[in-house]
Amino acid sequence: MSEATGQNQTSTIAITNTMLPFILEICHKGLQKAISENRSLLRGVKIANGHVTCNAAAKSLRQEYTPVREAFRVAANK
């Protein structure tokens, strides 16, 4: 195994180990419940139901900013 391949494998394992608990939480609880209970997940939502939920991204894209919880409320009322 080359040194570069070993580094790639190590990076993949690190990313998997970091993200897997979040992915499993979303799978078990559903996205809306998971983000309502886990602030780290909530901060990671940048687009929800067609709304830009990150203020910085909305500004740079010249789009309207919508808070995450409001984006989910709008979708639930449709």
PDB file of N, CA and C in Angstrom:
ATOM      1  N   MET A   1       0.855  -1.174   0.000  1.00  0.00           N
ATOM      2  CA  MET A   1       0.000   0.000   0.000  1.00  0.00           C
ATOM      3  C   MET A   1       0.895   1.229   0.000  1.00  0.00           C
ATOM      4  N   SER A   2       0.604   2.159  -0.905  1.00  0.00           N
ATOM      5  CA  SER A   2       1.407   3.372  -0.953  1.00  0.00           C
ATOM      6  C   SER A   2       1.040   4.276   0.217  1.00  0.00           C
ATOM      7  N   GLU A   3       1.914   5.218   0.480  1.00  0.00           N
ATOM      8  CA  GLU A   3       1.672   6.148   1.587  1.00  0.00           C
ATOM      9  C   GLU A   3       0.413   6.975   1.334  1.00  0.00           C
ATOM     10  N   ALA A   4       0.181   7.427   0.099  1.00  0.00           N
ATOM     11  CA  ALA A   4      -0.995   8.233  -0.234  1.00  0.00           C
ATOM     12  C   ALA A   4      -2.273   7.415  -0.018  1.00  0.00           C
ATOM     13  N   THR A   5      -2.257   6.152  -0.409  1.00  0.00           N
ATOM     14  CA  THR A   5      -3.435   5.302  -0.219  1.00  0.00           C
ATOM     15  C   THR A   5      -3.739   5.133   1.261  1.00  0.00           C
ATOM     16  N   GLY A   6      -2.727   4.965   2.058  1.00  0.00           N
ATOM     17  CA  GLY A   6      -2.917   4.842   3.504  1.00  0.00           C
ATOM     18  C   GLY A   6      -3.497   6.101   4.108  1.00  0.00           C
ATOM     19  N   GLN A   7      -3.055   7.260   3.625  1.00  0.00           N
ATOM     20  CA  GLN A   7      -3.597   8.528   4.124  1.00  0.00           C
ATOM     21  C   GLN A   7      -5.064   8.687   3.724  1.00  0.00           C
ATOM     22  N   ASN A   8      -5.382   8.290   2.486  1.00  0.00           N
ATOM     23  CA  ASN A   8      -6.775   8.383   2.036  1.00  0.00           C
ATOM     24  C   ASN A   8      -7.669   7.484   2.882  1.00  0.00           C
ATOM     25  N   GLN A   9      -7.183   6.290   3.149  1.00  0.00           N
ATOM     26  CA  GLN A   9      -7.968   5.349   3.952  1.00  0.00           C
ATOM     27  C   GLN A   9      -8.161   5.894   5.368  1.00  0.00           C
ATOM     28  N   THR A  10      -7.120   6.472   5.918  1.00  0.00           N
ATOM     29  CA  THR A  10      -7.204   7.039   7.264  1.00  0.00           C
ATOM     30  C   THR A  10      -8.211   8.187   7.289  1.00  0.00           C
ATOM     31  N   SER A  11      -8.194   9.022   6.268  1.00  0.00           N
ATOM     32  CA  SER A  11      -9.151  10.133   6.193  1.00  0.00           C
ATOM     33  C   SER A  11     -10.580   9.623   6.096  1.00  0.00           C
ATOM     34  N   THR A  12     -10.801   8.609   5.285  1.00  0.00           N
ATOM     35  CA  THR A  12     -12.131   8.033   5.125  1.00  0.00           C
ATOM     36  C   THR A  12     -12.642   7.465   6.440  1.00  0.00           C
ATOM     37  N   ILE A  13     -11.803   6.778   7.151  1.00  0.00           N
ATOM     38  CA  ILE A  13     -12.186   6.211   8.450  1.00  0.00           C
ATOM     39  C   ILE A  13     -12.516   7.324   9.441  1.00  0.00           C
ATOM     40  N   ALA A  14     -11.711   8.382   9.444  1.00  0.00           N
ATOM     41  CA  ALA A  14     -11.950   9.503  10.366  1.00  0.00           C
ATOM     42  C   ALA A  14     -13.279  10.186  10.065  1.00  0.00           C
ATOM     43  N   ILE A  15     -13.564  10.418   8.796  1.00  0.00           N
ATOM     44  CA  ILE A  15     -14.831  11.058   8.422  1.00  0.00           C
ATOM     45  C   ILE A  15     -16.005  10.156   8.788  1.00  0.00           C
ATOM     46  N   THR A  16     -15.878   8.868   8.502  1.00  0.00           N
ATOM     47  CA  THR A  16     -16.940   7.915   8.829  1.00  0.00           C
ATOM     48  C   THR A  16     -17.192   7.882  10.333  1.00  0.00           C
ATOM     49  N   ASN A  17     -16.139   7.818  11.112  1.00  0.00           N
ATOM     50  CA  ASN A  17     -16.283   7.770  12.570  1.00  0.00           C
ATOM     51  C   ASN A  17     -16.921   9.041  13.118  1.00  0.00           C
ATOM     52  N   THR A  18     -16.662  10.169  12.472  1.00  0.00           N
ATOM     53  CA  THR A  18     -17.225  11.437  12.919  1.00  0.00           C
ATOM     54  C   THR A  18     -18.686  11.575  12.527  1.00  0.00           C
ATOM     55  N   MET A  19     -19.028  11.178  11.307  1.00  0.00           N
ATOM     56  CA  MET A  19     -20.371  11.415  10.784  1.00  0.00           C
ATOM     57  C   MET A  19     -21.385  10.321  11.115  1.00  0.00           C
ATOM     58  N   LEU A  20     -20.925   9.110  11.309  1.00  0.00           N
ATOM     59  CA  LEU A  20     -21.843   7.986  11.505  1.00  0.00           C
ATOM     60  C   LEU A  20     -22.837   8.190  12.651  1.00  0.00           C
ATOM     61  N   PRO A  21     -22.410   8.679  13.814  1.00  0.00           N
ATOM     62  CA  PRO A  21     -23.394   8.886  14.880  1.00  0.00           C
ATOM     63  C   PRO A  21     -24.517   9.857  14.479  1.00  0.00           C
ATOM     64  N   PHE A  22     -24.180  10.905  13.729  1.00  0.00           N
ATOM     65  CA  PHE A  22     -25.187  11.855  13.274  1.00  0.00           C
ATOM     66  C   PHE A  22     -26.128  11.210  12.263  1.00  0.00           C
ATOM     67  N   ILE A  23     -25.573  10.453  11.340  1.00  0.00           N
ATOM     68  CA  ILE A  23     -26.379   9.770  10.330  1.00  0.00           C
ATOM     69  C   ILE A  23     -27.341   8.790  10.996  1.00  0.00           C
ATOM     70  N   LEU A  24     -26.841   8.036  11.951  1.00  0.00           N
ATOM     71  CA  LEU A  24     -27.697   7.078  12.654  1.00  0.00           C
ATOM     72  C   LEU A  24     -28.796   7.790  13.445  1.00  0.00           C
ATOM     73  N   GLU A  25     -28.465   8.911  14.060  1.00  0.00           N
ATOM     74  CA  GLU A  25     -29.466   9.666  14.811  1.00  0.00           C
ATOM     75  C   GLU A  25     -30.591  10.134  13.887  1.00  0.00           C
ATOM     76  N   ILE A  26     -30.224  10.645  12.718  1.00  0.00           N
ATOM     77  CA  ILE A  26     -31.228  11.086  11.744  1.00  0.00           C
ATOM     78  C   ILE A  26     -32.067   9.900  11.278  1.00  0.00           C
ATOM     79  N   CYS A  27     -31.428   8.766  11.026  1.00  0.00           N
ATOM     80  CA  CYS A  27     -32.157   7.569  10.583  1.00  0.00           C
ATOM     81  C   CYS A  27     -33.138   7.075  11.634  1.00  0.00           C
ATOM     82  N   HIS A  28     -32.734   7.107  12.882  1.00  0.00           N
ATOM     83  CA  HIS A  28     -33.577   6.578  13.955  1.00  0.00           C
ATOM     84  C   HIS A  28     -34.702   7.531  14.352  1.00  0.00           C
ATOM     85  N   LYS A  29     -34.430   8.824  14.325  1.00  0.00           N
ATOM     86  CA  LYS A  29     -35.404   9.793  14.824  1.00  0.00           C
ATOM     87  C   LYS A  29     -36.148  10.532  13.718  1.00  0.00           C
ATOM     88  N   GLY A  30     -35.595  10.540  12.527  1.00  0.00           N
ATOM     89  CA  GLY A  30     -36.111  11.403  11.471  1.00  0.00           C
ATOM     90  C   GLY A  30     -35.418  12.749  11.570  1.00  0.00           C
ATOM     91  N   LEU A  31     -35.330  13.458  10.453  1.00  0.00           N
ATOM     92  CA  LEU A  31     -34.563  14.698  10.425  1.00  0.00           C
ATOM     93  C   LEU A  31     -35.117  15.760  11.364  1.00  0.00           C
ATOM     94  N   GLN A  32     -36.409  15.998  11.325  1.00  0.00           N
ATOM     95  CA  GLN A  32     -36.963  17.086  12.139  1.00  0.00           C
ATOM     96  C   GLN A  32     -36.758  16.871  13.635  1.00  0.00           C
ATOM     97  N   LYS A  33     -37.001  15.656  14.118  1.00  0.00           N
ATOM     98  CA  LYS A  33     -36.812  15.384  15.544  1.00  0.00           C
ATOM     99  C   LYS A  33     -35.327  15.436  15.900  1.00  0.00           C
ATOM    100  N   ALA A  34     -34.482  14.905  15.027  1.00  0.00           N
ATOM    101  CA  ALA A  34     -33.034  14.900  15.299  1.00  0.00           C
ATOM    102  C   ALA A  34     -32.489  16.317  15.417  1.00  0.00           C
ATOM    103  N   ILE A  35     -32.872  17.195  14.499  1.00  0.00           N
ATOM    104  CA  ILE A  35     -32.340  18.564  14.587  1.00  0.00           C
ATOM    105  C   ILE A  35     -32.969  19.355  15.721  1.00  0.00           C
ATOM    106  N   SER A  36     -34.168  18.973  16.142  1.00  0.00           N
ATOM    107  CA  SER A  36     -34.773  19.685  17.270  1.00  0.00           C
ATOM    108  C   SER A  36     -34.116  19.286  18.588  1.00  0.00           C
ATOM    109  N   GLU A  37     -33.515  18.108  18.631  1.00  0.00           N
ATOM    110  CA  GLU A  37     -32.885  17.611  19.854  1.00  0.00           C
ATOM    111  C   GLU A  37     -31.360  17.761  19.861  1.00  0.00           C
ATOM    112  N   ASN A  38     -30.765  17.998  18.698  1.00  0.00           N
ATOM    113  CA  ASN A  38     -29.305  18.032  18.617  1.00  0.00           C
ATOM    114  C   ASN A  38     -28.877  19.331  17.941  1.00  0.00           C
ATOM    115  N   ARG A  39     -28.351  20.225  18.724  1.00  0.00           N
ATOM    116  CA  ARG A  39     -27.965  21.547  18.223  1.00  0.00           C
ATOM    117  C   ARG A  39     -26.880  21.483  17.156  1.00  0.00           C
ATOM    118  N   SER A  40     -25.991  20.510  17.250  1.00  0.00           N
ATOM    119  CA  SER A  40     -24.947  20.359  16.236  1.00  0.00           C
ATOM    120  C   SER A  40     -25.557  20.047  14.874  1.00  0.00           C
ATOM    121  N   LEU A  41     -26.554  19.188  14.858  1.00  0.00           N
ATOM    122  CA  LEU A  41     -27.247  18.882  13.604  1.00  0.00           C
ATOM    123  C   LEU A  41     -27.991  20.108  13.087  1.00  0.00           C
ATOM    124  N   LEU A  42     -28.638  20.824  13.977  1.00  0.00           N
ATOM    125  CA  LEU A  42     -29.378  22.026  13.590  1.00  0.00           C
ATOM    126  C   LEU A  42     -28.463  23.025  12.893  1.00  0.00           C
ATOM    127  N   ARG A  43     -27.271  23.229  13.447  1.00  0.00           N
ATOM    128  CA  ARG A  43     -26.318  24.175  12.854  1.00  0.00           C
ATOM    129  C   ARG A  43     -25.807  23.703  11.496  1.00  0.00           C
ATOM    130  N   GLY A  44     -25.907  22.413  11.225  1.00  0.00           N
ATOM    131  CA  GLY A  44     -25.411  21.878   9.962  1.00  0.00           C
ATOM    132  C   GLY A  44     -26.384  21.988   8.801  1.00  0.00           C
ATOM    133  N   VAL A  45     -27.638  22.347   9.075  1.00  0.00           N
ATOM    134  CA  VAL A  45     -28.633  22.458   8.001  1.00  0.00           C
ATOM    135  C   VAL A  45     -28.446  23.804   7.309  1.00  0.00           C
ATOM    136  N   LYS A  46     -28.159  23.767   6.019  1.00  0.00           N
ATOM    137  CA  LYS A  46     -27.939  24.998   5.248  1.00  0.00           C
ATOM    138  C   LYS A  46     -29.083  25.280   4.283  1.00  0.00           C
ATOM    139  N   ILE A  47     -29.746  24.228   3.816  1.00  0.00           N
ATOM    140  CA  ILE A  47     -30.908  24.360   2.939  1.00  0.00           C
ATOM    141  C   ILE A  47     -31.943  23.354   3.410  1.00  0.00           C
ATOM    142  N   ALA A  48     -33.184  23.796   3.562  1.00  0.00           N
ATOM    143  CA  ALA A  48     -34.262  22.903   3.998  1.00  0.00           C
ATOM    144  C   ALA A  48     -35.530  23.244   3.229  1.00  0.00           C
ATOM    145  N   ASN A  49     -36.090  22.236   2.593  1.00  0.00           N
ATOM    146  CA  ASN A  49     -37.354  22.394   1.878  1.00  0.00           C
ATOM    147  C   ASN A  49     -37.340  23.565   0.902  1.00  0.00           C
ATOM    148  N   GLY A  50     -36.217  23.745   0.237  1.00  0.00           N
ATOM    149  CA  GLY A  50     -36.097  24.798  -0.767  1.00  0.00           C
ATOM    150  C   GLY A  50     -35.775  26.173  -0.215  1.00  0.00           C
ATOM    151  N   HIS A  51     -35.566  26.282   1.092  1.00  0.00           N
ATOM    152  CA  HIS A  51     -35.239  27.560   1.732  1.00  0.00           C
ATOM    153  C   HIS A  51     -33.771  27.556   2.154  1.00  0.00           C
ATOM    154  N   VAL A  52     -33.099  28.688   1.975  1.00  0.00           N
ATOM    155  CA  VAL A  52     -31.715  28.823   2.432  1.00  0.00           C
ATOM    156  C   VAL A  52     -31.760  29.167   3.909  1.00  0.00           C
ATOM    157  N   THR A  53     -31.191  28.288   4.727  1.00  0.00           N
ATOM    158  CA  THR A  53     -31.287  28.431   6.178  1.00  0.00           C
ATOM    159  C   THR A  53     -29.971  28.861   6.821  1.00  0.00           C
ATOM    160  N   CYS A  54     -29.032  29.256   5.999  1.00  0.00           N
ATOM    161  CA  CYS A  54     -27.747  29.782   6.476  1.00  0.00           C
ATOM    162  C   CYS A  54     -27.669  31.240   6.042  1.00  0.00           C
ATOM    163  N   ASN A  55     -27.605  32.148   6.995  1.00  0.00           N
ATOM    164  CA  ASN A  55     -27.632  33.577   6.685  1.00  0.00           C
ATOM    165  C   ASN A  55     -26.481  33.978   5.762  1.00  0.00           C
ATOM    166  N   ALA A  56     -25.287  33.498   6.022  1.00  0.00           N
ATOM    167  CA  ALA A  56     -24.141  33.853   5.185  1.00  0.00           C
ATOM    168  C   ALA A  56     -24.329  33.341   3.755  1.00  0.00           C
ATOM    169  N   ALA A  57     -24.823  32.121   3.622  1.00  0.00           N
ATOM    170  CA  ALA A  57     -25.062  31.566   2.285  1.00  0.00           C
ATOM    171  C   ALA A  57     -26.155  32.359   1.571  1.00  0.00           C
ATOM    172  N   ALA A  58     -27.201  32.713   2.283  1.00  0.00           N
ATOM    173  CA  ALA A  58     -28.293  33.486   1.680  1.00  0.00           C
ATOM    174  C   ALA A  58     -27.771  34.822   1.157  1.00  0.00           C
ATOM    175  N   LYS A  59     -26.938  35.489   1.945  1.00  0.00           N
ATOM    176  CA  LYS A  59     -26.372  36.767   1.512  1.00  0.00           C
ATOM    177  C   LYS A  59     -25.507  36.600   0.276  1.00  0.00           C
ATOM    178  N   SER A  60     -24.628  35.603   0.292  1.00  0.00           N
ATOM    179  CA  SER A  60     -23.720  35.430  -0.843  1.00  0.00           C
ATOM    180  C   SER A  60     -24.460  34.993  -2.105  1.00  0.00           C
ATOM    181  N   LEU A  61     -25.580  34.297  -1.945  1.00  0.00           N
ATOM    182  CA  LEU A  61     -26.379  33.852  -3.090  1.00  0.00           C
ATOM    183  C   LEU A  61     -27.478  34.848  -3.456  1.00  0.00           C
ATOM    184  N   ARG A  62     -27.577  35.920  -2.657  1.00  0.00           N
ATOM    185  CA  ARG A  62     -28.628  36.930  -2.839  1.00  0.00           C
ATOM    186  C   ARG A  62     -30.022  36.293  -2.815  1.00  0.00           C
ATOM    187  N   GLN A  63     -30.187  35.438  -1.813  1.00  0.00           N
ATOM    188  CA  GLN A  63     -31.454  34.747  -1.598  1.00  0.00           C
ATOM    189  C   GLN A  63     -32.012  35.155  -0.240  1.00  0.00           C
ATOM    190  N   GLU A  64     -33.284  34.901  -0.056  1.00  0.00           N
ATOM    191  CA  GLU A  64     -33.912  35.201   1.224  1.00  0.00           C
ATOM    192  C   GLU A  64     -33.471  34.170   2.260  1.00  0.00           C
ATOM    193  N   TYR A  65     -33.146  34.634   3.452  1.00  0.00           N
ATOM    194  CA  TYR A  65     -32.784  33.761   4.566  1.00  0.00           C
ATOM    195  C   TYR A  65     -34.049  33.324   5.297  1.00  0.00           C
ATOM    196  N   THR A  66     -34.138  32.048   5.612  1.00  0.00           N
ATOM    197  CA  THR A  66     -35.248  31.503   6.378  1.00  0.00           C
ATOM    198  C   THR A  66     -34.672  30.666   7.515  1.00  0.00           C
ATOM    199  N   PRO A  67     -35.036  30.934   8.765  1.00  0.00           N
ATOM    200  CA  PRO A  67     -34.558  30.088   9.869  1.00  0.00           C
ATOM    201  C   PRO A  67     -34.972  28.628   9.646  1.00  0.00           C
ATOM    202  N   VAL A  68     -34.148  27.699  10.102  1.00  0.00           N
ATOM    203  CA  VAL A  68     -34.381  26.275   9.867  1.00  0.00           C
ATOM    204  C   VAL A  68     -35.761  25.847  10.359  1.00  0.00           C
ATOM    205  N   ARG A  69     -36.088  26.196  11.567  1.00  0.00           N
ATOM    206  CA  ARG A  69     -37.374  25.745  12.119  1.00  0.00           C
ATOM    207  C   ARG A  69     -38.551  26.279  11.305  1.00  0.00           C
ATOM    208  N   GLU A  70     -38.434  27.497  10.821  1.00  0.00           N
ATOM    209  CA  GLU A  70     -39.495  28.068   9.983  1.00  0.00           C
ATOM    210  C   GLU A  70     -39.589  27.326   8.649  1.00  0.00           C
ATOM    211  N   ALA A  71     -38.468  26.945   8.082  1.00  0.00           N
ATOM    212  CA  ALA A  71     -38.473  26.197   6.823  1.00  0.00           C
ATOM    213  C   ALA A  71     -39.210  24.872   6.984  1.00  0.00           C
ATOM    214  N   PHE A  72     -39.061  24.232   8.118  1.00  0.00           N
ATOM    215  CA  PHE A  72     -39.773  22.980   8.363  1.00  0.00           C
ATOM    216  C   PHE A  72     -41.249  23.225   8.648  1.00  0.00           C
ATOM    217  N   ARG A  73     -41.588  24.333   9.326  1.00  0.00           N
ATOM    218  CA  ARG A  73     -42.995  24.664   9.583  1.00  0.00           C
ATOM    219  C   ARG A  73     -43.736  24.928   8.277  1.00  0.00           C
ATOM    220  N   VAL A  74     -43.100  25.657   7.371  1.00  0.00           N
ATOM    221  CA  VAL A  74     -43.709  25.966   6.068  1.00  0.00           C
ATOM    222  C   VAL A  74     -44.004  24.661   5.321  1.00  0.00           C
ATOM    223  N   ALA A  75     -43.057  23.733   5.336  1.00  0.00           N
ATOM    224  CA  ALA A  75     -43.244  22.458   4.643  1.00  0.00           C
ATOM    225  C   ALA A  75     -44.360  21.636   5.291  1.00  0.00           C
ATOM    226  N   ALA A  76     -44.476  21.690   6.608  1.00  0.00           N
ATOM    227  CA  ALA A  76     -45.492  20.911   7.316  1.00  0.00           C
ATOM    228  C   ALA A  76     -46.900  21.450   7.031  1.00  0.00           C
ATOM    229  N   ASN A  77     -46.995  22.732   6.733  1.00  0.00           N
ATOM    230  CA  ASN A  77     -48.302  23.342   6.473  1.00  0.00           C
ATOM    231  C   ASN A  77     -48.754  23.209   5.030  1.00  0.00           C
ATOM    232  N   LYS A  78     -47.918  22.671   4.167  1.00  0.00           N
ATOM    233  CA  LYS A  78     -48.298  22.516   2.753  1.00  0.00           C
ATOM    234  C   LYS A  78     -49.158  21.295   2.554  1.00  0.00           C
TER     235      LYS A  78
END
